[in-house]
């Protein structure tokens, strides 16, 4: 994933989110699909506001998950790639 591809990732505004236990369900009414996110993927999702850069997201995730800082860049890249592949980002 190049940094240019997701310089300021932005979630589609028409995706609704609903907490279900420890996970969050995203509902894509356009594609009539449901996507289930774990806690860390949801944290990344919430930061995809079109204003945060990849570094902003990495920094915020490091604050939330200080014990996982070494693998955060890969985790964020994987999550953004999946969000994009599933059509959840603008």
C-alpha atoms as a PDB file:
ATOM      1  CA  UNK A   1       0.000   0.000   0.000  1.00  0.00           C
ATOM      2  CA  UNK A   2       1.479   3.319  -0.968  1.00  0.00           C
ATOM      3  CA  UNK A   3       1.154   6.272   1.367  1.00  0.00           C
ATOM      4  CA  UNK A   4      -0.420   8.286  -1.476  1.00  0.00           C
ATOM      5  CA  UNK A   5      -3.285   5.812  -1.806  1.00  0.00           C
ATOM      6  CA  UNK A   6      -4.469   6.427   1.746  1.00  0.00           C
ATOM      7  CA  UNK A   7      -2.939   9.806   2.532  1.00  0.00           C
ATOM      8  CA  UNK A   8      -6.112  10.903   4.351  1.00  0.00           C
ATOM      9  CA  UNK A   9      -8.512   7.943   4.332  1.00  0.00           C
ATOM     10  CA  UNK A  10     -12.188   8.821   4.515  1.00  0.00           C
ATOM     11  CA  UNK A  11     -15.015   6.488   5.425  1.00  0.00           C
ATOM     12  CA  UNK A  12     -18.158   6.668   3.332  1.00  0.00           C
ATOM     13  CA  UNK A  13     -20.764   8.744   5.129  1.00  0.00           C
ATOM     14  CA  UNK A  14     -23.603   6.339   4.365  1.00  0.00           C
ATOM     15  CA  UNK A  15     -22.141   3.446   6.380  1.00  0.00           C
ATOM     16  CA  UNK A  16     -23.895   2.946   9.707  1.00  0.00           C
ATOM     17  CA  UNK A  17     -22.200   1.394  12.739  1.00  0.00           C
ATOM     18  CA  UNK A  18     -23.771  -0.601  15.564  1.00  0.00           C
ATOM     19  CA  UNK A  19     -21.935  -2.012  18.586  1.00  0.00           C
ATOM     20  CA  UNK A  20     -22.575  -5.687  19.281  1.00  0.00           C
ATOM     21  CA  UNK A  21     -20.689  -6.864  22.346  1.00  0.00           C
ATOM     22  CA  UNK A  22     -16.970  -6.415  21.745  1.00  0.00           C
ATOM     23  CA  UNK A  23     -17.410  -5.946  18.005  1.00  0.00           C
ATOM     24  CA  UNK A  24     -18.935  -3.319  15.747  1.00  0.00           C
ATOM     25  CA  UNK A  25     -21.155  -4.074  12.794  1.00  0.00           C
ATOM     26  CA  UNK A  26     -20.933  -1.776   9.769  1.00  0.00           C
ATOM     27  CA  UNK A  27     -23.932  -1.790   7.490  1.00  0.00           C
ATOM     28  CA  UNK A  28     -23.399  -0.828   3.866  1.00  0.00           C
ATOM     29  CA  UNK A  29     -26.926  -0.107   2.626  1.00  0.00           C
ATOM     30  CA  UNK A  30     -25.663   0.585  -0.892  1.00  0.00           C
ATOM     31  CA  UNK A  31     -24.171  -2.884  -1.251  1.00  0.00           C
ATOM     32  CA  UNK A  32     -26.544  -4.411   1.295  1.00  0.00           C
ATOM     33  CA  UNK A  33     -23.607  -5.916   3.153  1.00  0.00           C
ATOM     34  CA  UNK A  34     -22.630  -6.214   6.796  1.00  0.00           C
ATOM     35  CA  UNK A  35     -19.027  -6.028   7.950  1.00  0.00           C
ATOM     36  CA  UNK A  36     -17.953  -6.941  11.487  1.00  0.00           C
ATOM     37  CA  UNK A  37     -14.978  -5.132  13.011  1.00  0.00           C
ATOM     38  CA  UNK A  38     -13.029  -6.035  16.108  1.00  0.00           C
ATOM     39  CA  UNK A  39     -12.108  -3.309  18.594  1.00  0.00           C
ATOM     40  CA  UNK A  40      -8.853  -2.255  16.918  1.00  0.00           C
ATOM     41  CA  UNK A  41     -10.327  -2.227  13.391  1.00  0.00           C
ATOM     42  CA  UNK A  42     -13.184  -0.094  14.695  1.00  0.00           C
ATOM     43  CA  UNK A  43     -10.692   2.317  16.263  1.00  0.00           C
ATOM     44  CA  UNK A  44      -8.994   2.662  12.860  1.00  0.00           C
ATOM     45  CA  UNK A  45     -12.405   3.062  11.160  1.00  0.00           C
ATOM     46  CA  UNK A  46     -13.336   5.955  13.461  1.00  0.00           C
ATOM     47  CA  UNK A  47     -10.111   7.743  12.506  1.00  0.00           C
ATOM     48  CA  UNK A  48     -10.897   7.561   8.770  1.00  0.00           C
ATOM     49  CA  UNK A  49     -12.458  11.012   8.660  1.00  0.00           C
ATOM     50  CA  UNK A  50     -10.672  12.475   5.638  1.00  0.00           C
ATOM     51  CA  UNK A  51      -8.605  14.773   7.862  1.00  0.00           C
ATOM     52  CA  UNK A  52      -6.289  12.312   9.632  1.00  0.00           C
ATOM     53  CA  UNK A  53      -3.129  11.305   7.843  1.00  0.00           C
ATOM     54  CA  UNK A  54      -1.688   7.820   8.131  1.00  0.00           C
ATOM     55  CA  UNK A  55       0.761   9.183  10.691  1.00  0.00           C
ATOM     56  CA  UNK A  56      -2.116  10.722  12.701  1.00  0.00           C
ATOM     57  CA  UNK A  57      -3.865   7.345  12.728  1.00  0.00           C
ATOM     58  CA  UNK A  58      -0.664   5.519  13.714  1.00  0.00           C
ATOM     59  CA  UNK A  59       0.001   8.012  16.515  1.00  0.00           C
ATOM     60  CA  UNK A  60      -3.553   7.736  17.897  1.00  0.00           C
ATOM     61  CA  UNK A  61      -3.489   3.942  17.696  1.00  0.00           C
ATOM     62  CA  UNK A  62      -0.131   3.918  19.543  1.00  0.00           C
ATOM     63  CA  UNK A  63      -1.809   5.815  22.377  1.00  0.00           C
ATOM     64  CA  UNK A  64      -4.696   3.339  22.490  1.00  0.00           C
ATOM     65  CA  UNK A  65      -2.519   0.218  22.062  1.00  0.00           C
ATOM     66  CA  UNK A  66       0.923   1.057  23.509  1.00  0.00           C
ATOM     67  CA  UNK A  67       1.933  -2.615  23.816  1.00  0.00           C
ATOM     68  CA  UNK A  68       1.334  -3.191  20.091  1.00  0.00           C
ATOM     69  CA  UNK A  69       3.169  -0.193  18.679  1.00  0.00           C
ATOM     70  CA  UNK A  70       5.728  -2.232  16.715  1.00  0.00           C
ATOM     71  CA  UNK A  71       3.106  -3.827  14.451  1.00  0.00           C
ATOM     72  CA  UNK A  72       0.704  -0.920  14.178  1.00  0.00           C
ATOM     73  CA  UNK A  73       1.760   0.303  10.749  1.00  0.00           C
ATOM     74  CA  UNK A  74       1.156  -3.131   9.226  1.00  0.00           C
ATOM     75  CA  UNK A  75      -2.165  -3.514  11.065  1.00  0.00           C
ATOM     76  CA  UNK A  76      -3.364  -0.098   9.903  1.00  0.00           C
ATOM     77  CA  UNK A  77      -2.282  -0.790   6.326  1.00  0.00           C
ATOM     78  CA  UNK A  78      -4.102  -4.126   6.365  1.00  0.00           C
ATOM     79  CA  UNK A  79      -7.277  -2.574   7.783  1.00  0.00           C
ATOM     80  CA  UNK A  80      -7.266   0.278   5.250  1.00  0.00           C
ATOM     81  CA  UNK A  81      -6.636  -2.130   2.396  1.00  0.00           C
ATOM     82  CA  UNK A  82      -9.616  -4.224   3.506  1.00  0.00           C
ATOM     83  CA  UNK A  83     -11.830  -1.151   3.972  1.00  0.00           C
ATOM     84  CA  UNK A  84     -10.921   0.000   0.461  1.00  0.00           C
ATOM     85  CA  UNK A  85     -11.368  -3.459  -1.063  1.00  0.00           C
ATOM     86  CA  UNK A  86     -14.824  -3.712   0.491  1.00  0.00           C
ATOM     87  CA  UNK A  87     -15.788  -0.263  -0.821  1.00  0.00           C
ATOM     88  CA  UNK A  88     -16.090   1.327   2.616  1.00  0.00           C
ATOM     89  CA  UNK A  89     -13.774   4.277   1.903  1.00  0.00           C
ATOM     90  CA  UNK A  90     -14.317   7.184  -0.440  1.00  0.00           C
END
